[in-house]
Amino acid sequence: MRETPLAREIRKNTHVFAALGDATRVSILAVLSRGEPVSVSRLTRGRRITRQAVSKHLRVLESAGLVRSVRHGREVRFELQRARIDSAARALDTIAQQWDAALRRLKATLESPGQNAVTRSSGA
């Protein structure tokens, strides 16, 4: 069977969706979405999470293409990769549009005069 463009887009973003399935990773992305590169030590400041745990989450986010590491002298900082998030958002928007269209068709079918007659005659 031939893969549709939507299926290809979803497959391409599978790692992104998996990475977003963790609350800690989403909170890291929220910090990074402010725009400036952030170090691991700064990401742990004021939180009950170790640097090792943050580093592990950052590796997952980096492998999904959601963040990238940038060296600033001796320090490694992480920044958000907005293009990857935009790609995943487009895939979700396409899915939402398809669901909306399917629900409109279902509603039209259920509200059509012929459908109502069938429903009434079956006793439903």
PDB file of N, CA and C in Angstrom:
ATOM      1  N   MET A   1       0.839  -1.174   0.000  1.00  0.00           N
ATOM      2  CA  MET A   1       0.000   0.000   0.000  1.00  0.00           C
ATOM      3  C   MET A   1       0.888   1.242   0.000  1.00  0.00           C
ATOM      4  N   ARG A   2       0.482   2.242  -0.735  1.00  0.00           N
ATOM      5  CA  ARG A   2       1.236   3.477  -0.865  1.00  0.00           C
ATOM      6  C   ARG A   2       0.996   4.386   0.350  1.00  0.00           C
ATOM      7  N   GLU A   3       2.058   4.966   0.858  1.00  0.00           N
ATOM      8  CA  GLU A   3       1.959   5.843   2.018  1.00  0.00           C
ATOM      9  C   GLU A   3       1.450   7.215   1.589  1.00  0.00           C
ATOM     10  N   THR A   4       0.468   7.728   2.317  1.00  0.00           N
ATOM     11  CA  THR A   4      -0.081   9.053   2.015  1.00  0.00           C
ATOM     12  C   THR A   4       0.865  10.127   2.545  1.00  0.00           C
ATOM     13  N   PRO A   5       0.754  11.343   2.016  1.00  0.00           N
ATOM     14  CA  PRO A   5       1.590  12.430   2.549  1.00  0.00           C
ATOM     15  C   PRO A   5       1.371  12.651   4.045  1.00  0.00           C
ATOM     16  N   LEU A   6       0.132  12.537   4.504  1.00  0.00           N
ATOM     17  CA  LEU A   6      -0.135  12.711   5.933  1.00  0.00           C
ATOM     18  C   LEU A   6       0.536  11.617   6.749  1.00  0.00           C
ATOM     19  N   ALA A   7       0.433  10.377   6.305  1.00  0.00           N
ATOM     20  CA  ALA A   7       1.076   9.271   7.022  1.00  0.00           C
ATOM     21  C   ALA A   7       2.583   9.466   7.074  1.00  0.00           C
ATOM     22  N   ARG A   8       3.150   9.956   5.992  1.00  0.00           N
ATOM     23  CA  ARG A   8       4.589  10.228   5.945  1.00  0.00           C
ATOM     24  C   ARG A   8       4.956  11.334   6.945  1.00  0.00           C
ATOM     25  N   GLU A   9       4.138  12.380   7.002  1.00  0.00           N
ATOM     26  CA  GLU A   9       4.382  13.498   7.932  1.00  0.00           C
ATOM     27  C   GLU A   9       4.272  13.032   9.383  1.00  0.00           C
ATOM     28  N   ILE A  10       3.295  12.205   9.671  1.00  0.00           N
ATOM     29  CA  ILE A  10       3.132  11.681  11.031  1.00  0.00           C
ATOM     30  C   ILE A  10       4.316  10.796  11.393  1.00  0.00           C
ATOM     31  N   ARG A  11       4.709   9.912  10.469  1.00  0.00           N
ATOM     32  CA  ARG A  11       5.856   9.031  10.724  1.00  0.00           C
ATOM     33  C   ARG A  11       7.116   9.855  10.976  1.00  0.00           C
ATOM     34  N   LYS A  12       7.285  10.918  10.207  1.00  0.00           N
ATOM     35  CA  LYS A  12       8.447  11.784  10.354  1.00  0.00           C
ATOM     36  C   LYS A  12       8.480  12.447  11.735  1.00  0.00           C
ATOM     37  N   ASN A  13       7.321  12.648  12.337  1.00  0.00           N
ATOM     38  CA  ASN A  13       7.221  13.344  13.621  1.00  0.00           C
ATOM     39  C   ASN A  13       6.980  12.416  14.812  1.00  0.00           C
ATOM     40  N   THR A  14       7.068  11.113  14.616  1.00  0.00           N
ATOM     41  CA  THR A  14       6.809  10.168  15.698  1.00  0.00           C
ATOM     42  C   THR A  14       7.692  10.432  16.914  1.00  0.00           C
ATOM     43  N   HIS A  15       8.981  10.694  16.691  1.00  0.00           N
ATOM     44  CA  HIS A  15       9.893  10.950  17.809  1.00  0.00           C
ATOM     45  C   HIS A  15       9.527  12.247  18.534  1.00  0.00           C
ATOM     46  N   VAL A  16       9.038  13.214  17.797  1.00  0.00           N
ATOM     47  CA  VAL A  16       8.613  14.479  18.414  1.00  0.00           C
ATOM     48  C   VAL A  16       7.433  14.216  19.342  1.00  0.00           C
ATOM     49  N   PHE A  17       6.431  13.488  18.848  1.00  0.00           N
ATOM     50  CA  PHE A  17       5.251  13.213  19.664  1.00  0.00           C
ATOM     51  C   PHE A  17       5.625  12.400  20.903  1.00  0.00           C
ATOM     52  N   ALA A  18       6.528  11.432  20.743  1.00  0.00           N
ATOM     53  CA  ALA A  18       6.971  10.635  21.888  1.00  0.00           C
ATOM     54  C   ALA A  18       7.703  11.505  22.905  1.00  0.00           C
ATOM     55  N   ALA A  19       8.555  12.396  22.426  1.00  0.00           N
ATOM     56  CA  ALA A  19       9.303  13.272  23.338  1.00  0.00           C
ATOM     57  C   ALA A  19       8.366  14.203  24.095  1.00  0.00           C
ATOM     58  N   LEU A  20       7.294  14.626  23.459  1.00  0.00           N
ATOM     59  CA  LEU A  20       6.341  15.530  24.105  1.00  0.00           C
ATOM     60  C   LEU A  20       5.417  14.813  25.085  1.00  0.00           C
ATOM     61  N   GLY A  21       5.547  13.498  25.176  1.00  0.00           N
ATOM     62  CA  GLY A  21       4.702  12.712  26.071  1.00  0.00           C
ATOM     63  C   GLY A  21       5.172  12.712  27.512  1.00  0.00           C
ATOM     64  N   ASP A  22       6.156  13.524  27.846  1.00  0.00           N
ATOM     65  CA  ASP A  22       6.687  13.574  29.207  1.00  0.00           C
ATOM     66  C   ASP A  22       6.575  14.998  29.741  1.00  0.00           C
ATOM     67  N   ALA A  23       5.983  15.154  30.916  1.00  0.00           N
ATOM     68  CA  ALA A  23       5.745  16.487  31.488  1.00  0.00           C
ATOM     69  C   ALA A  23       7.045  17.240  31.756  1.00  0.00           C
ATOM     70  N   THR A  24       8.087  16.541  32.180  1.00  0.00           N
ATOM     71  CA  THR A  24       9.363  17.211  32.448  1.00  0.00           C
ATOM     72  C   THR A  24       9.947  17.778  31.159  1.00  0.00           C
ATOM     73  N   ARG A  25       9.884  17.010  30.082  1.00  0.00           N
ATOM     74  CA  ARG A  25      10.409  17.496  28.812  1.00  0.00           C
ATOM     75  C   ARG A  25       9.604  18.682  28.295  1.00  0.00           C
ATOM     76  N   VAL A  26       8.298  18.640  28.483  1.00  0.00           N
ATOM     77  CA  VAL A  26       7.464  19.762  28.057  1.00  0.00           C
ATOM     78  C   VAL A  26       7.812  21.012  28.867  1.00  0.00           C
ATOM     79  N   SER A  27       8.072  20.839  30.167  1.00  0.00           N
ATOM     80  CA  SER A  27       8.441  22.008  30.980  1.00  0.00           C
ATOM     81  C   SER A  27       9.810  22.560  30.571  1.00  0.00           C
ATOM     82  N   ILE A  28      10.722  21.693  30.174  1.00  0.00           N
ATOM     83  CA  ILE A  28      12.028  22.143  29.661  1.00  0.00           C
ATOM     84  C   ILE A  28      11.821  22.949  28.384  1.00  0.00           C
ATOM     85  N   LEU A  29      10.972  22.454  27.492  1.00  0.00           N
ATOM     86  CA  LEU A  29      10.695  23.179  26.254  1.00  0.00           C
ATOM     87  C   LEU A  29      10.047  24.539  26.540  1.00  0.00           C
ATOM     88  N   ALA A  30       9.210  24.592  27.572  1.00  0.00           N
ATOM     89  CA  ALA A  30       8.584  25.870  27.932  1.00  0.00           C
ATOM     90  C   ALA A  30       9.646  26.893  28.331  1.00  0.00           C
ATOM     91  N   VAL A  31      10.647  26.459  29.083  1.00  0.00           N
ATOM     92  CA  VAL A  31      11.738  27.360  29.463  1.00  0.00           C
ATOM     93  C   VAL A  31      12.517  27.781  28.218  1.00  0.00           C
ATOM     94  N   LEU A  32      12.829  26.832  27.365  1.00  0.00           N
ATOM     95  CA  LEU A  32      13.612  27.135  26.165  1.00  0.00           C
ATOM     96  C   LEU A  32      12.840  27.993  25.170  1.00  0.00           C
ATOM     97  N   SER A  33      11.525  27.961  25.244  1.00  0.00           N
ATOM     98  CA  SER A  33      10.721  28.738  24.297  1.00  0.00           C
ATOM     99  C   SER A  33      10.827  30.238  24.545  1.00  0.00           C
ATOM    100  N   ARG A  34      11.427  30.622  25.641  1.00  0.00           N
ATOM    101  CA  ARG A  34      11.624  32.049  25.924  1.00  0.00           C
ATOM    102  C   ARG A  34      12.646  32.673  24.982  1.00  0.00           C
ATOM    103  N   GLY A  35      13.428  31.832  24.287  1.00  0.00           N
ATOM    104  CA  GLY A  35      14.267  32.342  23.225  1.00  0.00           C
ATOM    105  C   GLY A  35      15.760  32.314  23.421  1.00  0.00           C
ATOM    106  N   GLU A  36      16.239  32.275  24.634  1.00  0.00           N
ATOM    107  CA  GLU A  36      17.691  32.299  24.824  1.00  0.00           C
ATOM    108  C   GLU A  36      18.215  30.911  25.173  1.00  0.00           C
ATOM    109  N   PRO A  37      19.416  30.569  24.715  1.00  0.00           N
ATOM    110  CA  PRO A  37      20.016  29.275  25.067  1.00  0.00           C
ATOM    111  C   PRO A  37      20.197  29.171  26.586  1.00  0.00           C
ATOM    112  N   VAL A  38      19.938  27.985  27.128  1.00  0.00           N
ATOM    113  CA  VAL A  38      19.954  27.769  28.572  1.00  0.00           C
ATOM    114  C   VAL A  38      20.826  26.565  28.900  1.00  0.00           C
ATOM    115  N   SER A  39      21.613  26.682  29.968  1.00  0.00           N
ATOM    116  CA  SER A  39      22.481  25.587  30.416  1.00  0.00           C
ATOM    117  C   SER A  39      21.694  24.592  31.263  1.00  0.00           C
ATOM    118  N   VAL A  40      22.262  23.402  31.425  1.00  0.00           N
ATOM    119  CA  VAL A  40      21.646  22.369  32.261  1.00  0.00           C
ATOM    120  C   VAL A  40      21.512  22.870  33.695  1.00  0.00           C
ATOM    121  N   SER A  41      22.556  23.516  34.212  1.00  0.00           N
ATOM    122  CA  SER A  41      22.485  23.989  35.604  1.00  0.00           C
ATOM    123  C   SER A  41      21.379  25.030  35.767  1.00  0.00           C
ATOM    124  N   ARG A  42      21.171  25.855  34.778  1.00  0.00           N
ATOM    125  CA  ARG A  42      20.092  26.841  34.874  1.00  0.00           C
ATOM    126  C   ARG A  42      18.725  26.177  34.775  1.00  0.00           C
ATOM    127  N   LEU A  43      18.630  25.107  33.998  1.00  0.00           N
ATOM    128  CA  LEU A  43      17.364  24.377  33.888  1.00  0.00           C
ATOM    129  C   LEU A  43      16.995  23.665  35.191  1.00  0.00           C
ATOM    130  N   THR A  44      18.001  23.316  35.995  1.00  0.00           N
ATOM    131  CA  THR A  44      17.725  22.626  37.257  1.00  0.00           C
ATOM    132  C   THR A  44      17.466  23.591  38.404  1.00  0.00           C
ATOM    133  N   ARG A  45      17.844  24.836  38.252  1.00  0.00           N
ATOM    134  CA  ARG A  45      17.696  25.829  39.316  1.00  0.00           C
ATOM    135  C   ARG A  45      16.230  25.971  39.731  1.00  0.00           C
ATOM    136  N   GLY A  46      16.001  25.821  41.048  1.00  0.00           N
ATOM    137  CA  GLY A  46      14.653  25.971  41.577  1.00  0.00           C
ATOM    138  C   GLY A  46      13.728  24.799  41.327  1.00  0.00           C
ATOM    139  N   ARG A  47      14.257  23.689  40.861  1.00  0.00           N
ATOM    140  CA  ARG A  47      13.434  22.505  40.575  1.00  0.00           C
ATOM    141  C   ARG A  47      13.948  21.314  41.370  1.00  0.00           C
ATOM    142  N   ARG A  48      13.099  20.368  41.561  1.00  0.00           N
ATOM    143  CA  ARG A  48      13.488  19.134  42.243  1.00  0.00           C
ATOM    144  C   ARG A  48      13.863  18.081  41.210  1.00  0.00           C
ATOM    145  N   ILE A  49      14.917  18.372  40.488  1.00  0.00           N
ATOM    146  CA  ILE A  49      15.405  17.447  39.463  1.00  0.00           C
ATOM    147  C   ILE A  49      16.922  17.595  39.372  1.00  0.00           C
ATOM    148  N   THR A  50      17.585  16.487  39.185  1.00  0.00           N
ATOM    149  CA  THR A  50      19.051  16.512  39.129  1.00  0.00           C
ATOM    150  C   THR A  50      19.525  16.942  37.752  1.00  0.00           C
ATOM    151  N   ARG A  51      20.778  17.351  37.693  1.00  0.00           N
ATOM    152  CA  ARG A  51      21.365  17.696  36.390  1.00  0.00           C
ATOM    153  C   ARG A  51      21.390  16.480  35.474  1.00  0.00           C
ATOM    154  N   GLN A  52      21.671  15.318  36.066  1.00  0.00           N
ATOM    155  CA  GLN A  52      21.702  14.095  35.263  1.00  0.00           C
ATOM    156  C   GLN A  52      20.339  13.819  34.625  1.00  0.00           C
ATOM    157  N   ALA A  53      19.275  14.016  35.396  1.00  0.00           N
ATOM    158  CA  ALA A  53      17.934  13.782  34.862  1.00  0.00           C
ATOM    159  C   ALA A  53      17.612  14.782  33.750  1.00  0.00           C
ATOM    160  N   VAL A  54      17.955  16.056  33.970  1.00  0.00           N
ATOM    161  CA  VAL A  54      17.720  17.066  32.935  1.00  0.00           C
ATOM    162  C   VAL A  54      18.526  16.729  31.689  1.00  0.00           C
ATOM    163  N   SER A  55      19.773  16.315  31.871  1.00  0.00           N
ATOM    164  CA  SER A  55      20.621  15.947  30.728  1.00  0.00           C
ATOM    165  C   SER A  55      20.008  14.798  29.946  1.00  0.00           C
ATOM    166  N   LYS A  56      19.455  13.825  30.649  1.00  0.00           N
ATOM    167  CA  LYS A  56      18.819  12.690  29.978  1.00  0.00           C
ATOM    168  C   LYS A  56      17.617  13.171  29.149  1.00  0.00           C
ATOM    169  N   HIS A  57      16.797  14.035  29.736  1.00  0.00           N
ATOM    170  CA  HIS A  57      15.644  14.567  29.006  1.00  0.00           C
ATOM    171  C   HIS A  57      16.092  15.404  27.806  1.00  0.00           C
ATOM    172  N   LEU A  58      17.146  16.164  27.973  1.00  0.00           N
ATOM    173  CA  LEU A  58      17.656  16.974  26.865  1.00  0.00           C
ATOM    174  C   LEU A  58      18.162  16.095  25.722  1.00  0.00           C
ATOM    175  N   ARG A  59      18.756  14.948  26.041  1.00  0.00           N
ATOM    176  CA  ARG A  59      19.207  14.025  24.986  1.00  0.00           C
ATOM    177  C   ARG A  59      18.012  13.509  24.177  1.00  0.00           C
ATOM    178  N   VAL A  60      16.922  13.205  24.880  1.00  0.00           N
ATOM    179  CA  VAL A  60      15.712  12.747  24.179  1.00  0.00           C
ATOM    180  C   VAL A  60      15.183  13.860  23.273  1.00  0.00           C
ATOM    181  N   LEU A  61      15.123  15.071  23.811  1.00  0.00           N
ATOM    182  CA  LEU A  61      14.633  16.211  23.029  1.00  0.00           C
ATOM    183  C   LEU A  61      15.542  16.505  21.843  1.00  0.00           C
ATOM    184  N   GLU A  62      16.842  16.357  22.055  1.00  0.00           N
ATOM    185  CA  GLU A  62      17.795  16.602  20.973  1.00  0.00           C
ATOM    186  C   GLU A  62      17.683  15.531  19.886  1.00  0.00           C
ATOM    187  N   SER A  63      17.513  14.284  20.295  1.00  0.00           N
ATOM    188  CA  SER A  63      17.391  13.222  19.287  1.00  0.00           C
ATOM    189  C   SER A  63      16.090  13.350  18.491  1.00  0.00           C
ATOM    190  N   ALA A  64      15.076  13.985  19.092  1.00  0.00           N
ATOM    191  CA  ALA A  64      13.822  14.231  18.382  1.00  0.00           C
ATOM    192  C   ALA A  64      13.901  15.485  17.516  1.00  0.00           C
ATOM    193  N   GLY A  65      15.011  16.218  17.627  1.00  0.00           N
ATOM    194  CA  GLY A  65      15.182  17.424  16.829  1.00  0.00           C
ATOM    195  C   GLY A  65      14.513  18.650  17.416  1.00  0.00           C
ATOM    196  N   LEU A  66      14.077  18.568  18.670  1.00  0.00           N
ATOM    197  CA  LEU A  66      13.370  19.682  19.299  1.00  0.00           C
ATOM    198  C   LEU A  66      14.305  20.721  19.915  1.00  0.00           C
ATOM    199  N   VAL A  67      15.505  20.301  20.282  1.00  0.00           N
ATOM    200  CA  VAL A  67      16.497  21.224  20.827  1.00  0.00           C
ATOM    201  C   VAL A  67      17.840  20.925  20.183  1.00  0.00           C
ATOM    202  N   ARG A  68      18.737  21.875  20.291  1.00  0.00           N
ATOM    203  CA  ARG A  68      20.112  21.627  19.860  1.00  0.00           C
ATOM    204  C   ARG A  68      21.034  22.243  20.885  1.00  0.00           C
ATOM    205  N   SER A  69      22.202  21.636  20.996  1.00  0.00           N
ATOM    206  CA  SER A  69      23.194  22.139  21.944  1.00  0.00           C
ATOM    207  C   SER A  69      24.138  23.097  21.242  1.00  0.00           C
ATOM    208  N   VAL A  70      24.514  24.139  21.975  1.00  0.00           N
ATOM    209  CA  VAL A  70      25.415  25.161  21.463  1.00  0.00           C
ATOM    210  C   VAL A  70      26.477  25.397  22.529  1.00  0.00           C
ATOM    211  N   ARG A  71      27.739  25.336  22.131  1.00  0.00           N
ATOM    212  CA  ARG A  71      28.826  25.546  23.087  1.00  0.00           C
ATOM    213  C   ARG A  71      29.101  27.039  23.228  1.00  0.00           C
ATOM    214  N   HIS A  72      29.118  27.492  24.479  1.00  0.00           N
ATOM    215  CA  HIS A  72      29.479  28.872  24.823  1.00  0.00           C
ATOM    216  C   HIS A  72      30.666  28.786  25.783  1.00  0.00           C
ATOM    217  N   GLY A  73      31.864  28.854  25.246  1.00  0.00           N
ATOM    218  CA  GLY A  73      33.059  28.677  26.080  1.00  0.00           C
ATOM    219  C   GLY A  73      33.102  27.266  26.620  1.00  0.00           C
ATOM    220  N   ARG A  74      33.174  27.133  27.935  1.00  0.00           N
ATOM    221  CA  ARG A  74      33.192  25.803  28.555  1.00  0.00           C
ATOM    222  C   ARG A  74      31.793  25.243  28.780  1.00  0.00           C
ATOM    223  N   GLU A  75      30.804  26.069  28.604  1.00  0.00           N
ATOM    224  CA  GLU A  75      29.438  25.674  28.926  1.00  0.00           C
ATOM    225  C   GLU A  75      28.661  25.276  27.670  1.00  0.00           C
ATOM    226  N   VAL A  76      27.842  24.252  27.824  1.00  0.00           N
ATOM    227  CA  VAL A  76      26.946  23.839  26.747  1.00  0.00           C
ATOM    228  C   VAL A  76      25.552  24.348  27.101  1.00  0.00           C
ATOM    229  N   ARG A  77      24.948  25.034  26.165  1.00  0.00           N
ATOM    230  CA  ARG A  77      23.595  25.536  26.359  1.00  0.00           C
ATOM    231  C   ARG A  77      22.684  24.913  25.310  1.00  0.00           C
ATOM    232  N   PHE A  78      21.425  24.901  25.627  1.00  0.00           N
ATOM    233  CA  PHE A  78      20.439  24.287  24.738  1.00  0.00           C
ATOM    234  C   PHE A  78      19.437  25.329  24.285  1.00  0.00           C
ATOM    235  N   GLU A  79      19.047  25.179  23.016  1.00  0.00           N
ATOM    236  CA  GLU A  79      18.059  26.097  22.467  1.00  0.00           C
ATOM    237  C   GLU A  79      16.997  25.326  21.701  1.00  0.00           C
ATOM    238  N   LEU A  80      15.829  25.911  21.656  1.00  0.00           N
ATOM    239  CA  LEU A  80      14.678  25.318  20.997  1.00  0.00           C
ATOM    240  C   LEU A  80      14.842  25.349  19.483  1.00  0.00           C
ATOM    241  N   GLN A  81      14.434  24.276  18.843  1.00  0.00           N
ATOM    242  CA  GLN A  81      14.416  24.190  17.377  1.00  0.00           C
ATOM    243  C   GLN A  81      12.957  24.348  16.935  1.00  0.00           C
ATOM    244  N   ARG A  82      12.554  25.550  16.683  1.00  0.00           N
ATOM    245  CA  ARG A  82      11.144  25.850  16.376  1.00  0.00           C
ATOM    246  C   ARG A  82      10.651  25.170  15.089  1.00  0.00           C
ATOM    247  N   ALA A  83      11.513  24.986  14.127  1.00  0.00           N
ATOM    248  CA  ALA A  83      11.086  24.384  12.858  1.00  0.00           C
ATOM    249  C   ALA A  83      10.530  22.984  13.070  1.00  0.00           C
ATOM    250  N   ARG A  84      11.139  22.235  13.975  1.00  0.00           N
ATOM    251  CA  ARG A  84      10.680  20.863  14.235  1.00  0.00           C
ATOM    252  C   ARG A  84       9.310  20.875  14.908  1.00  0.00           C
ATOM    253  N   ILE A  85       9.118  21.801  15.822  1.00  0.00           N
ATOM    254  CA  ILE A  85       7.818  21.923  16.488  1.00  0.00           C
ATOM    255  C   ILE A  85       6.763  22.363  15.474  1.00  0.00           C
ATOM    256  N   ASP A  86       7.124  23.288  14.605  1.00  0.00           N
ATOM    257  CA  ASP A  86       6.187  23.748  13.576  1.00  0.00           C
ATOM    258  C   ASP A  86       5.776  22.606  12.652  1.00  0.00           C
ATOM    259  N   SER A  87       6.713  21.741  12.315  1.00  0.00           N
ATOM    260  CA  SER A  87       6.418  20.590  11.461  1.00  0.00           C
ATOM    261  C   SER A  87       5.413  19.659  12.132  1.00  0.00           C
ATOM    262  N   ALA A  88       5.624  19.374  13.408  1.00  0.00           N
ATOM    263  CA  ALA A  88       4.693  18.514  14.151  1.00  0.00           C
ATOM    264  C   ALA A  88       3.326  19.184  14.277  1.00  0.00           C
ATOM    265  N   ALA A  89       3.319  20.484  14.499  1.00  0.00           N
ATOM    266  CA  ALA A  89       2.053  21.217  14.614  1.00  0.00           C
ATOM    267  C   ALA A  89       1.271  21.156  13.300  1.00  0.00           C
ATOM    268  N   ARG A  90       1.971  21.264  12.180  1.00  0.00           N
ATOM    269  CA  ARG A  90       1.301  21.165  10.877  1.00  0.00           C
ATOM    270  C   ARG A  90       0.667  19.783  10.698  1.00  0.00           C
ATOM    271  N   ALA A  91       1.371  18.742  11.118  1.00  0.00           N
ATOM    272  CA  ALA A  91       0.815  17.384  11.012  1.00  0.00           C
ATOM    273  C   ALA A  91      -0.445  17.266  11.863  1.00  0.00           C
ATOM    274  N   LEU A  92      -0.409  17.811  13.077  1.00  0.00           N
ATOM    275  CA  LEU A  92      -1.583  17.762  13.948  1.00  0.00           C
ATOM    276  C   LEU A  92      -2.727  18.602  13.388  1.00  0.00           C
ATOM    277  N   ASP A  93      -2.417  19.737  12.787  1.00  0.00           N
ATOM    278  CA  ASP A  93      -3.448  20.566  12.158  1.00  0.00           C
ATOM    279  C   ASP A  93      -4.132  19.819  11.025  1.00  0.00           C
ATOM    280  N   THR A  94      -3.348  19.091  10.231  1.00  0.00           N
ATOM    281  CA  THR A  94      -3.917  18.315   9.123  1.00  0.00           C
ATOM    282  C   THR A  94      -4.842  17.230   9.651  1.00  0.00           C
ATOM    283  N   ILE A  95      -4.417  16.560  10.706  1.00  0.00           N
ATOM    284  CA  ILE A  95      -5.264  15.531  11.317  1.00  0.00           C
ATOM    285  C   ILE A  95      -6.557  16.154  11.839  1.00  0.00           C
ATOM    286  N   ALA A  96      -6.445  17.296  12.507  1.00  0.00           N
ATOM    287  CA  ALA A  96      -7.623  17.982  13.045  1.00  0.00           C
ATOM    288  C   ALA A  96      -8.581  18.370  11.918  1.00  0.00           C
ATOM    289  N   GLN A  97      -8.049  18.856  10.802  1.00  0.00           N
ATOM    290  CA  GLN A  97      -8.892  19.229   9.666  1.00  0.00           C
ATOM    291  C   GLN A  97      -9.620  18.015   9.103  1.00  0.00           C
ATOM    292  N   GLN A  98      -8.916  16.876   9.046  1.00  0.00           N
ATOM    293  CA  GLN A  98      -9.552  15.656   8.535  1.00  0.00           C
ATOM    294  C   GLN A  98     -10.672  15.194   9.472  1.00  0.00           C
ATOM    295  N   TRP A  99     -10.439  15.265  10.765  1.00  0.00           N
ATOM    296  CA  TRP A  99     -11.473  14.896  11.729  1.00  0.00           C
ATOM    297  C   TRP A  99     -12.664  15.841  11.622  1.00  0.00           C
ATOM    298  N   ASP A 100     -12.404  17.134  11.506  1.00  0.00           N
ATOM    299  CA  ASP A 100     -13.491  18.103  11.369  1.00  0.00           C
ATOM    300  C   ASP A 100     -14.327  17.802  10.135  1.00  0.00           C
ATOM    301  N   ALA A 101     -13.675  17.499   9.027  1.00  0.00           N
ATOM    302  CA  ALA A 101     -14.393  17.183   7.791  1.00  0.00           C
ATOM    303  C   ALA A 101     -15.212  15.905   7.958  1.00  0.00           C
ATOM    304  N   ALA A 102     -14.636  14.892   8.602  1.00  0.00           N
ATOM    305  CA  ALA A 102     -15.361  13.634   8.817  1.00  0.00           C
ATOM    306  C   ALA A 102     -16.576  13.856   9.716  1.00  0.00           C
ATOM    307  N   LEU A 103     -16.418  14.666  10.750  1.00  0.00           N
ATOM    308  CA  LEU A 103     -17.538  14.944  11.650  1.00  0.00           C
ATOM    309  C   LEU A 103     -18.633  15.748  10.946  1.00  0.00           C
ATOM    310  N   ARG A 104     -18.246  16.672  10.058  1.00  0.00           N
ATOM    311  CA  ARG A 104     -19.251  17.418   9.275  1.00  0.00           C
ATOM    312  C   ARG A 104     -20.037  16.470   8.376  1.00  0.00           C
ATOM    313  N   ARG A 105     -19.318  15.522   7.736  1.00  0.00           N
ATOM    314  CA  ARG A 105     -20.006  14.550   6.877  1.00  0.00           C
ATOM    315  C   ARG A 105     -20.950  13.677   7.691  1.00  0.00           C
ATOM    316  N   LEU A 106     -20.514  13.237   8.853  1.00  0.00           N
ATOM    317  CA  LEU A 106     -21.365  12.412   9.715  1.00  0.00           C
ATOM    318  C   LEU A 106     -22.602  13.182  10.140  1.00  0.00           C
ATOM    319  N   LYS A 107     -22.409  14.430  10.553  1.00  0.00           N
ATOM    320  CA  LYS A 107     -23.534  15.267  10.971  1.00  0.00           C
ATOM    321  C   LYS A 107     -24.522  15.439   9.828  1.00  0.00           C
ATOM    322  N   ALA A 108     -24.008  15.717   8.620  1.00  0.00           N
ATOM    323  CA  ALA A 108     -24.881  15.890   7.458  1.00  0.00           C
ATOM    324  C   ALA A 108     -25.655  14.615   7.163  1.00  0.00           C
ATOM    325  N   THR A 109     -25.002  13.484   7.290  1.00  0.00           N
ATOM    326  CA  THR A 109     -25.663  12.207   7.040  1.00  0.00           C
ATOM    327  C   THR A 109     -26.749  11.948   8.072  1.00  0.00           C
ATOM    328  N   LEU A 110     -26.438  12.195   9.329  1.00  0.00           N
ATOM    329  CA  LEU A 110     -27.417  11.943  10.392  1.00  0.00           C
ATOM    330  C   LEU A 110     -28.589  12.915  10.356  1.00  0.00           C
ATOM    331  N   GLU A 111     -28.353  14.126   9.850  1.00  0.00           N
ATOM    332  CA  GLU A 111     -29.415  15.122   9.795  1.00  0.00           C
ATOM    333  C   GLU A 111     -30.183  15.106   8.483  1.00  0.00           C
ATOM    334  N   SER A 112     -29.774  14.257   7.541  1.00  0.00           N
ATOM    335  CA  SER A 112     -30.471  14.218   6.248  1.00  0.00           C
ATOM    336  C   SER A 112     -31.853  13.601   6.445  1.00  0.00           C
ATOM    337  N   PRO A 113     -32.850  14.080   5.661  1.00  0.00           N
ATOM    338  CA  PRO A 113     -34.224  13.578   5.815  1.00  0.00           C
ATOM    339  C   PRO A 113     -34.330  12.065   5.649  1.00  0.00           C
ATOM    340  N   GLY A 114     -33.604  11.486   4.731  1.00  0.00           N
ATOM    341  CA  GLY A 114     -33.660  10.038   4.523  1.00  0.00           C
ATOM    342  C   GLY A 114     -33.152   9.273   5.735  1.00  0.00           C
ATOM    343  N   GLN A 115     -32.133   9.772   6.383  1.00  0.00           N
ATOM    344  CA  GLN A 115     -31.577   9.116   7.566  1.00  0.00           C
ATOM    345  C   GLN A 115     -32.575   9.152   8.717  1.00  0.00           C
ATOM    346  N   ASN A 116     -33.265  10.272   8.878  1.00  0.00           N
ATOM    347  CA  ASN A 116     -34.237  10.391   9.966  1.00  0.00           C
ATOM    348  C   ASN A 116     -35.367   9.390   9.797  1.00  0.00           C
ATOM    349  N   ALA A 117     -35.815   9.172   8.558  1.00  0.00           N
ATOM    350  CA  ALA A 117     -36.871   8.209   8.299  1.00  0.00           C
ATOM    351  C   ALA A 117     -36.420   6.810   8.664  1.00  0.00           C
ATOM    352  N   VAL A 118     -35.197   6.457   8.340  1.00  0.00           N
ATOM    353  CA  VAL A 118     -34.658   5.144   8.674  1.00  0.00           C
ATOM    354  C   VAL A 118     -34.593   4.986  10.177  1.00  0.00           C
ATOM    355  N   THR A 119     -34.129   6.021  10.871  1.00  0.00           N
ATOM    356  CA  THR A 119     -34.007   5.962  12.322  1.00  0.00           C
ATOM    357  C   THR A 119     -35.370   5.780  12.956  1.00  0.00           C
ATOM    358  N   ARG A 120     -36.394   6.532  12.471  1.00  0.00           N
ATOM    359  CA  ARG A 120     -37.738   6.437  13.044  1.00  0.00           C
ATOM    360  C   ARG A 120     -38.344   5.062  12.774  1.00  0.00           C
ATOM    361  N   SER A 121     -38.143   4.511  11.588  1.00  0.00           N
ATOM    362  CA  SER A 121     -38.766   3.243  11.248  1.00  0.00           C
ATOM    363  C   SER A 121     -38.123   2.073  11.971  1.00  0.00           C
ATOM    364  N   SER A 122     -36.872   2.250  12.425  1.00  0.00           N
ATOM    365  CA  SER A 122     -36.211   1.147  13.124  1.00  0.00           C
ATOM    366  C   SER A 122     -36.530   1.180  14.616  1.00  0.00           C
ATOM    367  N   GLY A 123     -37.252   2.212  15.039  1.00  0.00           N
ATOM    368  CA  GLY A 123     -37.617   2.292  16.448  1.00  0.00           C
ATOM    369  C   GLY A 123     -36.557   2.924  17.323  1.00  0.00           C
ATOM    370  N   ALA A 124     -35.503   3.457  16.736  1.00  0.00           N
ATOM    371  CA  ALA A 124     -34.438   4.063  17.535  1.00  0.00           C
ATOM    372  C   ALA A 124     -34.777   5.452  17.984  1.00  0.00           C
TER     373      ALA A 124
END
